[in-house]
Structure formats: structure tokens, C-alpha cells
Amino acid sequence: MAEAQTENQQREKVRELIKDVKTTVMVTHGDGDKLRGRPMVAAGLDADGKTLWFFSGSGTEKTEEIAKNDRVLLSYSDPSSQNYVSVSGTARVVRDVAKQKELWQETMKTWFPDGPEDARIALIAVEMTGAEYWDSPSSTLLHAYGYVKAAVTGQPPKGGENERVSFSGS
């Protein structure tokens, strides 16, 4: 039986699961009840361990949507290792050239050819308020075993680890 994790261990597990996933889907609130998702690449995680940073163009639909409703969802998926994470948070649009320089990666030139001081850049800071993760065994052998076990016993196999994590008060 797995030992229960502390909240700090669960938070660290979330950070570990998302750190190597290159692209997340950021979901914002559009007009009315519409939810809008788009791929985004995280530029960094603050030392506080709960603020994620993203580069965006200023004056885009997503920055306007965040200005109207700051609640966002980030969806991370790593099918090769069977790890999935959803992160709830509050977002804010930030104009900070020093932070842009700190987070700058050369690949950003694709979207912002004038570099980190480009006036068209806005940063989106997402403070994580909660998360849920699914960390499943990824081995083909384990999946085959689970299939056989389900066929023989009629019971589905254990799906791995699933936890809800709070980032409030951390």
C-alpha cells in the first residue's frame, strides 16, 4: 500500500510531472460561457514553486479574456509516460522587461524577432491554486498484465496514482 504524501510532496510531484512537458493547453473564458484553449509553452516557474510564466503577444484575445476573467486551466499531457496533469490557477498579464529578459529563450525569437525588449510582448503569470494528476504505469508489460487481469477477474486494474493537490496556503 502506498504511503500517503504530504501536501508539499504532492505539490513537488505536480512540479516534477509538468517540468519536462513542452506544451500545455491554456484554457481561458471567452465570450459568454465559451471556454477557449490554445497551446502554450511555459517559460519558467518562480522560486515560490507556484507561479508559472508564459510569453504572449500583448492585446491578444487571451490577454483580453484574462483581463475579464482571471481563472484559467492548464492541461499537461505526456502519453509516452502515461502522466497527465490539470492545473487550476489565476492569471494576470504583466509588462516587465526585466522579467522578460530573465525568462527569455532564444526560441522566442520565432514569435518576437526583436528580442526580450520587444514592445509587443506581454507575460502571463499563472499562480497555481490547485492541481490534479494521474501518474500511471507506462510499461507495455504492465498494461498487458492489466488487460489479462481484467479479462480473467472482470475487475479493472489499478490505474496508478491520482491525487488532487491544493497550492493555497503554500
C-alpha atoms as a PDB file:
ATOM      1  CA  MET A   1       0.000   0.000   0.000  1.00  0.00           C
ATOM      2  CA  ALA A   2       1.361   3.414  -0.994  1.00  0.00           C
ATOM      3  CA  GLU A   3       2.274   5.781   1.816  1.00  0.00           C
ATOM      4  CA  ALA A   4       0.207   8.959   1.982  1.00  0.00           C
ATOM      5  CA  GLN A   5       2.039  12.017   0.713  1.00  0.00           C
ATOM      6  CA  THR A   6       2.165  15.354   2.484  1.00  0.00           C
ATOM      7  CA  GLU A   7       0.772  18.426   0.699  1.00  0.00           C
ATOM      8  CA  ASN A   8       4.320  19.618  -0.008  1.00  0.00           C
ATOM      9  CA  GLN A   9       5.235  16.236  -1.520  1.00  0.00           C
ATOM     10  CA  GLN A  10       2.106  16.365  -3.685  1.00  0.00           C
ATOM     11  CA  ARG A  11       2.974  19.895  -4.848  1.00  0.00           C
ATOM     12  CA  GLU A  12       6.503  18.781  -5.676  1.00  0.00           C
ATOM     13  CA  LYS A  13       5.064  15.809  -7.607  1.00  0.00           C
ATOM     14  CA  VAL A  14       2.959  18.213  -9.716  1.00  0.00           C
ATOM     15  CA  ARG A  15       6.026  20.364 -10.452  1.00  0.00           C
ATOM     16  CA  GLU A  16       8.038  17.255 -11.349  1.00  0.00           C
ATOM     17  CA  LEU A  17       5.320  15.930 -13.691  1.00  0.00           C
ATOM     18  CA  ILE A  18       4.976  19.197 -15.648  1.00  0.00           C
ATOM     19  CA  LYS A  19       8.614  20.357 -15.788  1.00  0.00           C
ATOM     20  CA  ASP A  20       9.545  18.429 -18.949  1.00  0.00           C
ATOM     21  CA  VAL A  21       6.223  18.720 -20.801  1.00  0.00           C
ATOM     22  CA  LYS A  22       6.991  21.252 -23.516  1.00  0.00           C
ATOM     23  CA  THR A  23       3.461  22.336 -24.390  1.00  0.00           C
ATOM     24  CA  THR A  24       0.369  22.850 -22.267  1.00  0.00           C
ATOM     25  CA  VAL A  25      -3.118  23.864 -23.308  1.00  0.00           C
ATOM     26  CA  MET A  26      -4.166  27.079 -21.567  1.00  0.00           C
ATOM     27  CA  VAL A  27      -7.939  27.375 -21.216  1.00  0.00           C
ATOM     28  CA  THR A  28      -9.458  30.812 -20.680  1.00  0.00           C
ATOM     29  CA  HIS A  29     -13.013  32.114 -20.504  1.00  0.00           C
ATOM     30  CA  GLY A  30     -14.160  33.604 -23.794  1.00  0.00           C
ATOM     31  CA  ASP A  31     -17.396  35.388 -24.574  1.00  0.00           C
ATOM     32  CA  GLY A  32     -20.370  34.083 -22.627  1.00  0.00           C
ATOM     33  CA  ASP A  33     -19.917  30.508 -21.471  1.00  0.00           C
ATOM     34  CA  LYS A  34     -17.320  29.664 -24.117  1.00  0.00           C
ATOM     35  CA  LEU A  35     -14.065  28.126 -22.960  1.00  0.00           C
ATOM     36  CA  ARG A  36     -11.073  28.654 -25.233  1.00  0.00           C
ATOM     37  CA  GLY A  37      -7.914  26.585 -25.235  1.00  0.00           C
ATOM     38  CA  ARG A  38      -4.651  27.171 -27.028  1.00  0.00           C
ATOM     39  CA  PRO A  39      -1.183  25.611 -26.872  1.00  0.00           C
ATOM     40  CA  MET A  40       1.371  27.493 -24.783  1.00  0.00           C
ATOM     41  CA  VAL A  41       4.945  26.841 -23.714  1.00  0.00           C
ATOM     42  CA  ALA A  42       5.850  27.662 -20.116  1.00  0.00           C
ATOM     43  CA  ALA A  43       8.859  29.957 -19.888  1.00  0.00           C
ATOM     44  CA  GLY A  44       9.574  29.302 -16.235  1.00  0.00           C
ATOM     45  CA  LEU A  45       8.470  28.632 -12.692  1.00  0.00           C
ATOM     46  CA  ASP A  46       9.108  31.179  -9.937  1.00  0.00           C
ATOM     47  CA  ALA A  47      11.061  30.301  -6.816  1.00  0.00           C
ATOM     48  CA  ASP A  48       7.737  30.297  -4.937  1.00  0.00           C
ATOM     49  CA  GLY A  49       7.012  26.999  -6.716  1.00  0.00           C
ATOM     50  CA  LYS A  50       3.513  28.002  -7.728  1.00  0.00           C
ATOM     51  CA  THR A  51       3.767  30.777 -10.326  1.00  0.00           C
ATOM     52  CA  LEU A  52       4.192  29.699 -13.955  1.00  0.00           C
ATOM     53  CA  TRP A  53       5.201  32.220 -16.640  1.00  0.00           C
ATOM     54  CA  PHE A  54       4.236  32.341 -20.321  1.00  0.00           C
ATOM     55  CA  PHE A  55       5.127  34.708 -23.154  1.00  0.00           C
ATOM     56  CA  SER A  56       2.247  36.157 -25.147  1.00  0.00           C
ATOM     57  CA  GLY A  57       1.597  38.943 -27.543  1.00  0.00           C
ATOM     58  CA  SER A  58       0.047  41.970 -25.868  1.00  0.00           C
ATOM     59  CA  GLY A  59      -3.514  42.808 -26.813  1.00  0.00           C
ATOM     60  CA  THR A  60      -4.368  39.258 -27.895  1.00  0.00           C
ATOM     61  CA  GLU A  61      -7.696  37.569 -27.329  1.00  0.00           C
ATOM     62  CA  LYS A  62      -6.222  35.514 -24.485  1.00  0.00           C
ATOM     63  CA  THR A  63      -4.855  38.579 -22.665  1.00  0.00           C
ATOM     64  CA  GLU A  64      -8.226  40.310 -23.077  1.00  0.00           C
ATOM     65  CA  GLU A  65     -10.031  37.205 -21.790  1.00  0.00           C
ATOM     66  CA  ILE A  66      -7.718  37.044 -18.758  1.00  0.00           C
ATOM     67  CA  ALA A  67      -8.414  40.726 -18.036  1.00  0.00           C
ATOM     68  CA  LYS A  68     -12.150  39.900 -17.898  1.00  0.00           C
ATOM     69  CA  ASN A  69     -11.860  36.590 -16.006  1.00  0.00           C
ATOM     70  CA  ASP A  70      -8.546  35.600 -14.443  1.00  0.00           C
ATOM     71  CA  ARG A  71      -9.406  31.929 -13.815  1.00  0.00           C
ATOM     72  CA  VAL A  72      -7.511  29.576 -16.131  1.00  0.00           C
ATOM     73  CA  LEU A  73      -6.844  25.871 -16.538  1.00  0.00           C
ATOM     74  CA  LEU A  74      -3.581  24.401 -17.808  1.00  0.00           C
ATOM     75  CA  SER A  75      -3.714  20.883 -19.206  1.00  0.00           C
ATOM     76  CA  TYR A  76      -0.489  18.857 -19.432  1.00  0.00           C
ATOM     77  CA  SER A  77      -0.228  15.512 -21.196  1.00  0.00           C
ATOM     78  CA  ASP A  78       2.699  13.113 -21.528  1.00  0.00           C
ATOM     79  CA  PRO A  79       1.201   9.986 -23.155  1.00  0.00           C
ATOM     80  CA  SER A  80       4.599   8.290 -23.501  1.00  0.00           C
ATOM     81  CA  SER A  81       4.862   8.023 -19.712  1.00  0.00           C
ATOM     82  CA  GLN A  82       1.094   7.990 -19.032  1.00  0.00           C
ATOM     83  CA  ASN A  83       1.273  11.180 -16.939  1.00  0.00           C
ATOM     84  CA  TYR A  84      -1.485  13.780 -17.052  1.00  0.00           C
ATOM     85  CA  VAL A  85      -1.907  16.954 -15.003  1.00  0.00           C
ATOM     86  CA  SER A  86      -4.538  19.684 -14.884  1.00  0.00           C
ATOM     87  CA  VAL A  87      -3.616  22.884 -13.080  1.00  0.00           C
ATOM     88  CA  SER A  88      -6.164  25.470 -11.938  1.00  0.00           C
ATOM     89  CA  GLY A  89      -4.957  28.975 -11.340  1.00  0.00           C
ATOM     90  CA  THR A  90      -5.404  32.690 -11.515  1.00  0.00           C
ATOM     91  CA  ALA A  91      -3.695  34.548 -14.328  1.00  0.00           C
ATOM     92  CA  ARG A  92      -2.532  38.092 -14.728  1.00  0.00           C
ATOM     93  CA  VAL A  93      -0.990  39.927 -17.652  1.00  0.00           C
ATOM     94  CA  VAL A  94       2.343  41.533 -16.789  1.00  0.00           C
ATOM     95  CA  ARG A  95       4.506  44.059 -18.636  1.00  0.00           C
ATOM     96  CA  ASP A  96       8.011  43.717 -17.136  1.00  0.00           C
ATOM     97  CA  VAL A  97      11.069  43.964 -19.399  1.00  0.00           C
ATOM     98  CA  ALA A  98      13.412  42.736 -16.634  1.00  0.00           C
ATOM     99  CA  LYS A  99      11.277  39.592 -16.161  1.00  0.00           C
ATOM    100  CA  GLN A 100      11.113  39.130 -19.953  1.00  0.00           C
ATOM    101  CA  LYS A 101      14.913  39.201 -20.088  1.00  0.00           C
ATOM    102  CA  GLU A 102      15.137  36.762 -17.172  1.00  0.00           C
ATOM    103  CA  LEU A 103      12.782  34.259 -18.834  1.00  0.00           C
ATOM    104  CA  TRP A 104      13.935  34.793 -22.430  1.00  0.00           C
ATOM    105  CA  GLN A 105      14.811  31.745 -24.504  1.00  0.00           C
ATOM    106  CA  GLU A 106      16.262  32.041 -27.986  1.00  0.00           C
ATOM    107  CA  THR A 107      13.324  30.054 -29.408  1.00  0.00           C
ATOM    108  CA  MET A 108      11.068  33.005 -28.504  1.00  0.00           C
ATOM    109  CA  LYS A 109      12.571  34.890 -31.467  1.00  0.00           C
ATOM    110  CA  THR A 110      10.182  32.875 -33.631  1.00  0.00           C
ATOM    111  CA  TRP A 111       7.295  34.970 -32.266  1.00  0.00           C
ATOM    112  CA  PHE A 112       9.182  38.030 -31.043  1.00  0.00           C
ATOM    113  CA  PRO A 113      12.048  38.699 -33.503  1.00  0.00           C
ATOM    114  CA  ASP A 114      13.003  41.953 -31.747  1.00  0.00           C
ATOM    115  CA  GLY A 115      14.087  40.028 -28.629  1.00  0.00           C
ATOM    116  CA  PRO A 116      13.069  40.262 -24.983  1.00  0.00           C
ATOM    117  CA  GLU A 117      12.602  44.045 -25.099  1.00  0.00           C
ATOM    118  CA  ASP A 118      10.009  43.762 -27.897  1.00  0.00           C
ATOM    119  CA  ALA A 119       7.144  46.156 -27.041  1.00  0.00           C
ATOM    120  CA  ARG A 120       4.621  43.595 -28.339  1.00  0.00           C
ATOM    121  CA  ILE A 121       5.452  41.135 -25.526  1.00  0.00           C
ATOM    122  CA  ALA A 122       3.206  40.569 -22.557  1.00  0.00           C
ATOM    123  CA  LEU A 123       3.870  37.959 -19.918  1.00  0.00           C
ATOM    124  CA  ILE A 124       1.146  35.837 -18.409  1.00  0.00           C
ATOM    125  CA  ALA A 125       1.747  34.785 -14.809  1.00  0.00           C
ATOM    126  CA  VAL A 126      -0.394  31.893 -13.621  1.00  0.00           C
ATOM    127  CA  GLU A 127      -0.488  31.334  -9.889  1.00  0.00           C
ATOM    128  CA  MET A 128      -1.425  27.711  -9.315  1.00  0.00           C
ATOM    129  CA  THR A 129      -4.321  27.319  -6.886  1.00  0.00           C
ATOM    130  CA  GLY A 130      -4.875  23.604  -7.357  1.00  0.00           C
ATOM    131  CA  ALA A 131      -3.999  20.628  -9.498  1.00  0.00           C
ATOM    132  CA  GLU A 132      -4.962  17.063 -10.187  1.00  0.00           C
ATOM    133  CA  TYR A 133      -2.631  14.473 -11.582  1.00  0.00           C
ATOM    134  CA  TRP A 134      -2.775  10.964 -12.939  1.00  0.00           C
ATOM    135  CA  ASP A 135       0.544   9.124 -12.824  1.00  0.00           C
ATOM    136  CA  SER A 136       0.036   5.699 -14.379  1.00  0.00           C
ATOM    137  CA  PRO A 137       2.427   2.850 -15.016  1.00  0.00           C
ATOM    138  CA  SER A 138       3.690   3.260 -18.573  1.00  0.00           C
ATOM    139  CA  SER A 139       5.194  -0.146 -19.181  1.00  0.00           C
ATOM    140  CA  THR A 140       3.668  -2.136 -22.026  1.00  0.00           C
ATOM    141  CA  LEU A 141       4.082  -5.260 -19.891  1.00  0.00           C
ATOM    142  CA  LEU A 142       2.093  -3.679 -17.055  1.00  0.00           C
ATOM    143  CA  HIS A 143      -0.679  -2.686 -19.476  1.00  0.00           C
ATOM    144  CA  ALA A 144      -0.754  -6.227 -20.884  1.00  0.00           C
ATOM    145  CA  TYR A 145      -0.946  -7.621 -17.334  1.00  0.00           C
ATOM    146  CA  GLY A 146      -3.798  -5.227 -16.539  1.00  0.00           C
ATOM    147  CA  TYR A 147      -5.661  -6.320 -19.654  1.00  0.00           C
ATOM    148  CA  VAL A 148      -5.310 -10.014 -18.781  1.00  0.00           C
ATOM    149  CA  LYS A 149      -6.269  -9.392 -15.149  1.00  0.00           C
ATOM    150  CA  ALA A 150      -9.387  -7.505 -16.234  1.00  0.00           C
ATOM    151  CA  ALA A 151     -10.340 -10.257 -18.683  1.00  0.00           C
ATOM    152  CA  VAL A 152      -9.886 -13.011 -16.079  1.00  0.00           C
ATOM    153  CA  THR A 153     -11.300 -11.307 -12.972  1.00  0.00           C
ATOM    154  CA  GLY A 154     -13.735  -8.846 -14.527  1.00  0.00           C
ATOM    155  CA  GLN A 155     -12.112  -6.111 -12.434  1.00  0.00           C
ATOM    156  CA  PRO A 156     -10.177  -3.225 -13.951  1.00  0.00           C
ATOM    157  CA  PRO A 157      -6.539  -2.892 -12.876  1.00  0.00           C
ATOM    158  CA  LYS A 158      -5.372  -0.171 -10.529  1.00  0.00           C
ATOM    159  CA  GLY A 159      -4.915   2.936 -12.656  1.00  0.00           C
ATOM    160  CA  GLY A 160      -1.864   4.298 -10.925  1.00  0.00           C
ATOM    161  CA  GLU A 161      -1.711   7.363  -8.740  1.00  0.00           C
ATOM    162  CA  ASN A 162      -4.410  10.063  -8.842  1.00  0.00           C
ATOM    163  CA  GLU A 163      -4.309  12.991  -6.431  1.00  0.00           C
ATOM    164  CA  ARG A 164      -5.929  16.380  -6.013  1.00  0.00           C
ATOM    165  CA  VAL A 165      -3.444  18.960  -4.788  1.00  0.00           C
ATOM    166  CA  SER A 166      -4.007  22.374  -3.225  1.00  0.00           C
ATOM    167  CA  PHE A 167      -1.493  25.156  -3.791  1.00  0.00           C
ATOM    168  CA  SER A 168      -3.372  27.502  -1.452  1.00  0.00           C
ATOM    169  CA  GLY A 169      -1.514  28.381   1.693  1.00  0.00           C
ATOM    170  CA  SER A 170       1.818  27.079   0.400  1.00  0.00           C
END
